[in-house]
């Protein structure tokens, strides 16, 4: 998952900083970024919140990094 690594780096975070913010072990983050393991839905949600992006971006379904507007703002 190339987007996982690129967005972490664009946010100027180390894997250790991401671990401290999410509780996802650094070695597991490394495996996610290298494509060795597939992140759980819960881990993807935590990472999307930390990186301020959408699940679609993290899962490489889109190249749009901006998250969707929050539901309460939609009309």
PDB file of N, CA and C in Angstrom:
ATOM      1  N   UNK A   1       0.840  -1.178   0.000  1.00  0.00           N
ATOM      2  CA  UNK A   1       0.000   0.000   0.000  1.00  0.00           C
ATOM      3  C   UNK A   1       0.886   1.243   0.000  1.00  0.00           C
ATOM      4  N   UNK A   2       1.145   1.750  -1.157  1.00  0.00           N
ATOM      5  CA  UNK A   2       2.016   2.905  -1.286  1.00  0.00           C
ATOM      6  C   UNK A   2       1.443   4.164  -0.650  1.00  0.00           C
ATOM      7  N   UNK A   3       0.125   4.325  -0.674  1.00  0.00           N
ATOM      8  CA  UNK A   3      -0.465   5.520  -0.088  1.00  0.00           C
ATOM      9  C   UNK A   3      -0.218   5.589   1.419  1.00  0.00           C
ATOM     10  N   UNK A   4      -0.172   4.466   2.081  1.00  0.00           N
ATOM     11  CA  UNK A   4       0.063   4.476   3.528  1.00  0.00           C
ATOM     12  C   UNK A   4       1.415   5.109   3.855  1.00  0.00           C
ATOM     13  N   UNK A   5       2.422   4.737   3.129  1.00  0.00           N
ATOM     14  CA  UNK A   5       3.759   5.288   3.384  1.00  0.00           C
ATOM     15  C   UNK A   5       3.848   6.736   2.933  1.00  0.00           C
ATOM     16  N   UNK A   6       3.345   7.022   1.747  1.00  0.00           N
ATOM     17  CA  UNK A   6       3.489   8.380   1.211  1.00  0.00           C
ATOM     18  C   UNK A   6       2.749   9.408   2.061  1.00  0.00           C
ATOM     19  N   UNK A   7       1.561   9.082   2.535  1.00  0.00           N
ATOM     20  CA  UNK A   7       0.834  10.057   3.354  1.00  0.00           C
ATOM     21  C   UNK A   7       1.496  10.226   4.721  1.00  0.00           C
ATOM     22  N   UNK A   8       2.020   9.152   5.272  1.00  0.00           N
ATOM     23  CA  UNK A   8       2.730   9.278   6.563  1.00  0.00           C
ATOM     24  C   UNK A   8       3.918  10.216   6.403  1.00  0.00           C
ATOM     25  N   UNK A   9       4.667  10.027   5.332  1.00  0.00           N
ATOM     26  CA  UNK A   9       5.823  10.887   5.098  1.00  0.00           C
ATOM     27  C   UNK A   9       5.401  12.324   4.803  1.00  0.00           C
ATOM     28  N   UNK A  10       4.315  12.504   4.061  1.00  0.00           N
ATOM     29  CA  UNK A  10       3.850  13.867   3.756  1.00  0.00           C
ATOM     30  C   UNK A  10       3.378  14.597   5.014  1.00  0.00           C
ATOM     31  N   UNK A  11       2.929  13.836   6.000  1.00  0.00           N
ATOM     32  CA  UNK A  11       2.511  14.427   7.277  1.00  0.00           C
ATOM     33  C   UNK A  11       3.697  14.562   8.243  1.00  0.00           C
ATOM     34  N   UNK A  12       4.877  14.194   7.750  1.00  0.00           N
ATOM     35  CA  UNK A  12       6.131  14.296   8.518  1.00  0.00           C
ATOM     36  C   UNK A  12       6.087  13.496   9.813  1.00  0.00           C
ATOM     37  N   UNK A  13       5.586  12.264   9.691  1.00  0.00           N
ATOM     38  CA  UNK A  13       5.509  11.369  10.837  1.00  0.00           C
ATOM     39  C   UNK A  13       6.401  10.162  10.624  1.00  0.00           C
ATOM     40  N   UNK A  14       7.019   9.704  11.690  1.00  0.00           N
ATOM     41  CA  UNK A  14       7.739   8.439  11.637  1.00  0.00           C
ATOM     42  C   UNK A  14       6.746   7.323  11.955  1.00  0.00           C
ATOM     43  N   UNK A  15       7.144   6.101  11.721  1.00  0.00           N
ATOM     44  CA  UNK A  15       6.297   4.975  12.102  1.00  0.00           C
ATOM     45  C   UNK A  15       6.102   4.946  13.613  1.00  0.00           C
ATOM     46  N   UNK A  16       7.114   5.329  14.341  1.00  0.00           N
ATOM     47  CA  UNK A  16       7.006   5.349  15.808  1.00  0.00           C
ATOM     48  C   UNK A  16       5.994   6.405  16.241  1.00  0.00           C
ATOM     49  N   UNK A  17       5.998   7.573  15.602  1.00  0.00           N
ATOM     50  CA  UNK A  17       5.024   8.618  15.933  1.00  0.00           C
ATOM     51  C   UNK A  17       3.609   8.147  15.597  1.00  0.00           C
ATOM     52  N   UNK A  18       3.444   7.457  14.472  1.00  0.00           N
ATOM     53  CA  UNK A  18       2.128   6.918  14.100  1.00  0.00           C
ATOM     54  C   UNK A  18       1.691   5.870  15.117  1.00  0.00           C
ATOM     55  N   UNK A  19       2.622   5.047  15.561  1.00  0.00           N
ATOM     56  CA  UNK A  19       2.315   4.054  16.604  1.00  0.00           C
ATOM     57  C   UNK A  19       1.839   4.741  17.881  1.00  0.00           C
ATOM     58  N   UNK A  20       2.552   5.787  18.282  1.00  0.00           N
ATOM     59  CA  UNK A  20       2.197   6.484  19.523  1.00  0.00           C
ATOM     60  C   UNK A  20       0.817   7.139  19.421  1.00  0.00           C
ATOM     61  N   UNK A  21       0.446   7.592  18.226  1.00  0.00           N
ATOM     62  CA  UNK A  21      -0.842   8.255  18.046  1.00  0.00           C
ATOM     63  C   UNK A  21      -1.999   7.276  17.879  1.00  0.00           C
ATOM     64  N   UNK A  22      -1.713   6.077  17.351  1.00  0.00           N
ATOM     65  CA  UNK A  22      -2.788   5.130  17.035  1.00  0.00           C
ATOM     66  C   UNK A  22      -2.783   3.870  17.883  1.00  0.00           C
ATOM     67  N   UNK A  23      -1.627   3.525  18.436  1.00  0.00           N
ATOM     68  CA  UNK A  23      -1.511   2.272  19.171  1.00  0.00           C
ATOM     69  C   UNK A  23      -1.250   1.075  18.270  1.00  0.00           C
ATOM     70  N   UNK A  24      -1.088   1.319  16.963  1.00  0.00           N
ATOM     71  CA  UNK A  24      -0.774   0.240  16.021  1.00  0.00           C
ATOM     72  C   UNK A  24       0.730   0.032  16.054  1.00  0.00           C
ATOM     73  N   UNK A  25       1.169  -1.170  16.394  1.00  0.00           N
ATOM     74  CA  UNK A  25       2.581  -1.468  16.555  1.00  0.00           C
ATOM     75  C   UNK A  25       3.397  -1.050  15.326  1.00  0.00           C
ATOM     76  N   UNK A  26       4.572  -0.500  15.568  1.00  0.00           N
ATOM     77  CA  UNK A  26       5.435  -0.017  14.482  1.00  0.00           C
ATOM     78  C   UNK A  26       5.768  -1.113  13.491  1.00  0.00           C
ATOM     79  N   UNK A  27       6.030  -2.313  13.959  1.00  0.00           N
ATOM     80  CA  UNK A  27       6.366  -3.405  13.034  1.00  0.00           C
ATOM     81  C   UNK A  27       5.167  -3.764  12.162  1.00  0.00           C
ATOM     82  N   UNK A  28       3.971  -3.652  12.709  1.00  0.00           N
ATOM     83  CA  UNK A  28       2.759  -3.905  11.935  1.00  0.00           C
ATOM     84  C   UNK A  28       2.544  -2.794  10.899  1.00  0.00           C
ATOM     85  N   UNK A  29       2.780  -1.540  11.289  1.00  0.00           N
ATOM     86  CA  UNK A  29       2.690  -0.428  10.335  1.00  0.00           C
ATOM     87  C   UNK A  29       3.644  -0.645   9.168  1.00  0.00           C
ATOM     88  N   UNK A  30       4.848  -1.094   9.485  1.00  0.00           N
ATOM     89  CA  UNK A  30       5.833  -1.368   8.438  1.00  0.00           C
ATOM     90  C   UNK A  30       5.331  -2.441   7.477  1.00  0.00           C
ATOM     91  N   UNK A  31       4.726  -3.485   8.012  1.00  0.00           N
ATOM     92  CA  UNK A  31       4.184  -4.558   7.170  1.00  0.00           C
ATOM     93  C   UNK A  31       3.031  -4.050   6.305  1.00  0.00           C
ATOM     94  N   UNK A  32       2.190  -3.185   6.864  1.00  0.00           N
ATOM     95  CA  UNK A  32       1.102  -2.593   6.084  1.00  0.00           C
ATOM     96  C   UNK A  32       1.674  -1.786   4.925  1.00  0.00           C
ATOM     97  N   UNK A  33       2.669  -0.959   5.222  1.00  0.00           N
ATOM     98  CA  UNK A  33       3.249  -0.092   4.201  1.00  0.00           C
ATOM     99  C   UNK A  33       3.968  -0.882   3.106  1.00  0.00           C
ATOM    100  N   UNK A  34       4.536  -2.009   3.451  1.00  0.00           N
ATOM    101  CA  UNK A  34       5.242  -2.836   2.461  1.00  0.00           C
ATOM    102  C   UNK A  34       4.318  -3.805   1.739  1.00  0.00           C
ATOM    103  N   UNK A  35       3.049  -3.872   2.166  1.00  0.00           N
ATOM    104  CA  UNK A  35       2.100  -4.766   1.526  1.00  0.00           C
ATOM    105  C   UNK A  35       2.210  -6.208   1.972  1.00  0.00           C
ATOM    106  N   UNK A  36       2.918  -6.446   3.065  1.00  0.00           N
ATOM    107  CA  UNK A  36       3.080  -7.801   3.596  1.00  0.00           C
ATOM    108  C   UNK A  36       1.815  -8.239   4.327  1.00  0.00           C
ATOM    109  N   UNK A  37       1.153  -7.290   4.981  1.00  0.00           N
ATOM    110  CA  UNK A  37      -0.097  -7.550   5.702  1.00  0.00           C
ATOM    111  C   UNK A  37      -1.163  -6.576   5.235  1.00  0.00           C
ATOM    112  N   UNK A  38      -2.400  -6.979   5.348  1.00  0.00           N
ATOM    113  CA  UNK A  38      -3.537  -6.112   5.011  1.00  0.00           C
ATOM    114  C   UNK A  38      -4.082  -5.537   6.314  1.00  0.00           C
ATOM    115  N   UNK A  39      -4.213  -4.212   6.394  1.00  0.00           N
ATOM    116  CA  UNK A  39      -4.711  -3.610   7.634  1.00  0.00           C
ATOM    117  C   UNK A  39      -6.156  -4.002   7.925  1.00  0.00           C
ATOM    118  N   UNK A  40      -6.459  -4.140   9.198  1.00  0.00           N
ATOM    119  CA  UNK A  40      -7.846  -4.377   9.601  1.00  0.00           C
ATOM    120  C   UNK A  40      -8.639  -3.094   9.379  1.00  0.00           C
ATOM    121  N   UNK A  41      -9.958  -3.219   9.375  1.00  0.00           N
ATOM    122  CA  UNK A  41     -10.816  -2.046   9.211  1.00  0.00           C
ATOM    123  C   UNK A  41     -10.570  -1.049  10.334  1.00  0.00           C
ATOM    124  N   UNK A  42     -10.431  -1.542  11.544  1.00  0.00           N
ATOM    125  CA  UNK A  42     -10.176  -0.658  12.686  1.00  0.00           C
ATOM    126  C   UNK A  42      -8.873   0.109  12.549  1.00  0.00           C
ATOM    127  N   UNK A  43      -7.826  -0.584  12.095  1.00  0.00           N
ATOM    128  CA  UNK A  43      -6.540   0.082  11.907  1.00  0.00           C
ATOM    129  C   UNK A  43      -6.628   1.119  10.788  1.00  0.00           C
ATOM    130  N   UNK A  44      -7.343   0.798   9.710  1.00  0.00           N
ATOM    131  CA  UNK A  44      -7.517   1.762   8.629  1.00  0.00           C
ATOM    132  C   UNK A  44      -8.262   3.004   9.118  1.00  0.00           C
ATOM    133  N   UNK A  45      -9.278   2.810   9.946  1.00  0.00           N
ATOM    134  CA  UNK A  45     -10.020   3.951  10.489  1.00  0.00           C
ATOM    135  C   UNK A  45      -9.124   4.834  11.350  1.00  0.00           C
ATOM    136  N   UNK A  46      -8.310   4.218  12.201  1.00  0.00           N
ATOM    137  CA  UNK A  46      -7.393   4.995  13.038  1.00  0.00           C
ATOM    138  C   UNK A  46      -6.383   5.766  12.197  1.00  0.00           C
ATOM    139  N   UNK A  47      -5.853   5.121  11.154  1.00  0.00           N
ATOM    140  CA  UNK A  47      -4.871   5.780  10.297  1.00  0.00           C
ATOM    141  C   UNK A  47      -5.511   6.904   9.482  1.00  0.00           C
ATOM    142  N   UNK A  48      -6.719   6.687   8.983  1.00  0.00           N
ATOM    143  CA  UNK A  48      -7.411   7.733   8.219  1.00  0.00           C
ATOM    144  C   UNK A  48      -7.657   8.957   9.096  1.00  0.00           C
ATOM    145  N   UNK A  49      -8.012   8.734  10.346  1.00  0.00           N
ATOM    146  CA  UNK A  49      -8.234   9.849  11.267  1.00  0.00           C
ATOM    147  C   UNK A  49      -6.923  10.581  11.542  1.00  0.00           C
ATOM    148  N   UNK A  50      -5.872   9.828  11.800  1.00  0.00           N
ATOM    149  CA  UNK A  50      -4.564  10.436  12.076  1.00  0.00           C
ATOM    150  C   UNK A  50      -4.070  11.245  10.885  1.00  0.00           C
ATOM    151  N   UNK A  51      -4.174  10.681   9.695  1.00  0.00           N
ATOM    152  CA  UNK A  51      -3.651  11.328   8.490  1.00  0.00           C
ATOM    153  C   UNK A  51      -4.638  12.303   7.854  1.00  0.00           C
ATOM    154  N   UNK A  52      -5.857  12.403   8.425  1.00  0.00           N
ATOM    155  CA  UNK A  52      -6.887  13.301   7.900  1.00  0.00           C
ATOM    156  C   UNK A  52      -7.147  13.033   6.415  1.00  0.00           C
ATOM    157  N   UNK A  53      -7.527  11.798   6.129  1.00  0.00           N
ATOM    158  CA  UNK A  53      -7.828  11.383   4.769  1.00  0.00           C
ATOM    159  C   UNK A  53      -8.966  10.373   4.791  1.00  0.00           C
ATOM    160  N   UNK A  54      -9.316   9.848   3.629  1.00  0.00           N
ATOM    161  CA  UNK A  54     -10.408   8.873   3.538  1.00  0.00           C
ATOM    162  C   UNK A  54      -9.869   7.443   3.491  1.00  0.00           C
ATOM    163  N   UNK A  55     -10.740   6.510   3.801  1.00  0.00           N
ATOM    164  CA  UNK A  55     -10.370   5.097   3.661  1.00  0.00           C
ATOM    165  C   UNK A  55     -10.087   4.774   2.206  1.00  0.00           C
ATOM    166  N   UNK A  56     -10.848   5.373   1.296  1.00  0.00           N
ATOM    167  CA  UNK A  56     -10.622   5.130  -0.129  1.00  0.00           C
ATOM    168  C   UNK A  56      -9.200   5.508  -0.537  1.00  0.00           C
ATOM    169  N   UNK A  57      -8.687   6.607   0.002  1.00  0.00           N
ATOM    170  CA  UNK A  57      -7.316   7.002  -0.329  1.00  0.00           C
ATOM    171  C   UNK A  57      -6.328   5.984   0.237  1.00  0.00           C
ATOM    172  N   UNK A  58      -6.510   5.593   1.474  1.00  0.00           N
ATOM    173  CA  UNK A  58      -5.590   4.633   2.085  1.00  0.00           C
ATOM    174  C   UNK A  58      -5.618   3.289   1.368  1.00  0.00           C
ATOM    175  N   UNK A  59      -6.784   2.910   0.832  1.00  0.00           N
ATOM    176  CA  UNK A  59      -6.920   1.636   0.135  1.00  0.00           C
ATOM    177  C   UNK A  59      -6.614   1.759  -1.355  1.00  0.00           C
ATOM    178  N   UNK A  60      -6.152   2.952  -1.772  1.00  0.00           N
ATOM    179  CA  UNK A  60      -5.765   3.233  -3.153  1.00  0.00           C
ATOM    180  C   UNK A  60      -6.914   3.081  -4.142  1.00  0.00           C
ATOM    181  N   UNK A  61      -8.124   3.420  -3.679  1.00  0.00           N
ATOM    182  CA  UNK A  61      -9.290   3.442  -4.569  1.00  0.00           C
ATOM    183  C   UNK A  61      -9.429   4.802  -5.230  1.00  0.00           C
ATOM    184  N   UNK A  62      -8.671   5.799  -4.718  1.00  0.00           N
ATOM    185  CA  UNK A  62      -8.656   7.139  -5.278  1.00  0.00           C
ATOM    186  C   UNK A  62      -7.290   7.753  -5.012  1.00  0.00           C
ATOM    187  N   UNK A  63      -6.955   8.759  -5.802  1.00  0.00           N
ATOM    188  CA  UNK A  63      -5.727   9.512  -5.561  1.00  0.00           C
ATOM    189  C   UNK A  63      -6.016  10.859  -4.913  1.00  0.00           C
ATOM    190  N   UNK A  64      -7.283  11.094  -4.559  1.00  0.00           N
ATOM    191  CA  UNK A  64      -7.680  12.340  -3.894  1.00  0.00           C
ATOM    192  C   UNK A  64      -7.393  12.192  -2.405  1.00  0.00           C
ATOM    193  N   UNK A  65      -6.452  12.987  -1.928  1.00  0.00           N
ATOM    194  CA  UNK A  65      -6.004  12.845  -0.543  1.00  0.00           C
ATOM    195  C   UNK A  65      -6.958  13.492   0.454  1.00  0.00           C
ATOM    196  N   UNK A  66      -7.715  14.521   0.015  1.00  0.00           N
ATOM    197  CA  UNK A  66      -8.627  15.223   0.915  1.00  0.00           C
ATOM    198  C   UNK A  66      -9.760  14.309   1.354  1.00  0.00           C
ATOM    199  N   UNK A  67     -10.103  14.356   2.645  1.00  0.00           N
ATOM    200  CA  UNK A  67     -11.204  13.517   3.122  1.00  0.00           C
ATOM    201  C   UNK A  67     -12.549  14.065   2.653  1.00  0.00           C
ATOM    202  N   UNK A  68     -13.552  13.231   2.737  1.00  0.00           N
ATOM    203  CA  UNK A  68     -14.906  13.672   2.430  1.00  0.00           C
ATOM    204  C   UNK A  68     -15.373  14.644   3.508  1.00  0.00           C
ATOM    205  N   UNK A  69     -16.340  15.513   3.192  1.00  0.00           N
ATOM    206  CA  UNK A  69     -16.877  16.389   4.249  1.00  0.00           C
ATOM    207  C   UNK A  69     -17.579  15.544   5.310  1.00  0.00           C
ATOM    208  N   UNK A  70     -17.482  15.953   6.575  1.00  0.00           N
ATOM    209  CA  UNK A  70     -18.178  15.213   7.628  1.00  0.00           C
ATOM    210  C   UNK A  70     -19.684  15.166   7.360  1.00  0.00           C
ATOM    211  N   UNK A  71     -20.310  14.114   7.794  1.00  0.00           N
ATOM    212  CA  UNK A  71     -21.730  13.891   7.523  1.00  0.00           C
ATOM    213  C   UNK A  71     -22.613  15.033   8.027  1.00  0.00           C
ATOM    214  N   UNK A  72     -22.279  15.584   9.183  1.00  0.00           N
ATOM    215  CA  UNK A  72     -23.120  16.627   9.749  1.00  0.00           C
ATOM    216  C   UNK A  72     -23.081  17.916   8.923  1.00  0.00           C
ATOM    217  N   UNK A  73     -22.120  18.050   8.002  1.00  0.00           N
ATOM    218  CA  UNK A  73     -22.020  19.249   7.184  1.00  0.00           C
ATOM    219  C   UNK A  73     -22.729  19.095   5.839  1.00  0.00           C
ATOM    220  N   UNK A  74     -23.106  17.870   5.482  1.00  0.00           N
ATOM    221  CA  UNK A  74     -23.758  17.631   4.214  1.00  0.00           C
ATOM    222  C   UNK A  74     -25.233  18.005   4.315  1.00  0.00           C
ATOM    223  N   UNK A  75     -25.784  18.501   3.211  1.00  0.00           N
ATOM    224  CA  UNK A  75     -27.217  18.860   3.195  1.00  0.00           C
ATOM    225  C   UNK A  75     -27.941  18.052   2.174  1.00  0.00           C
TER     226      UNK A  75
END
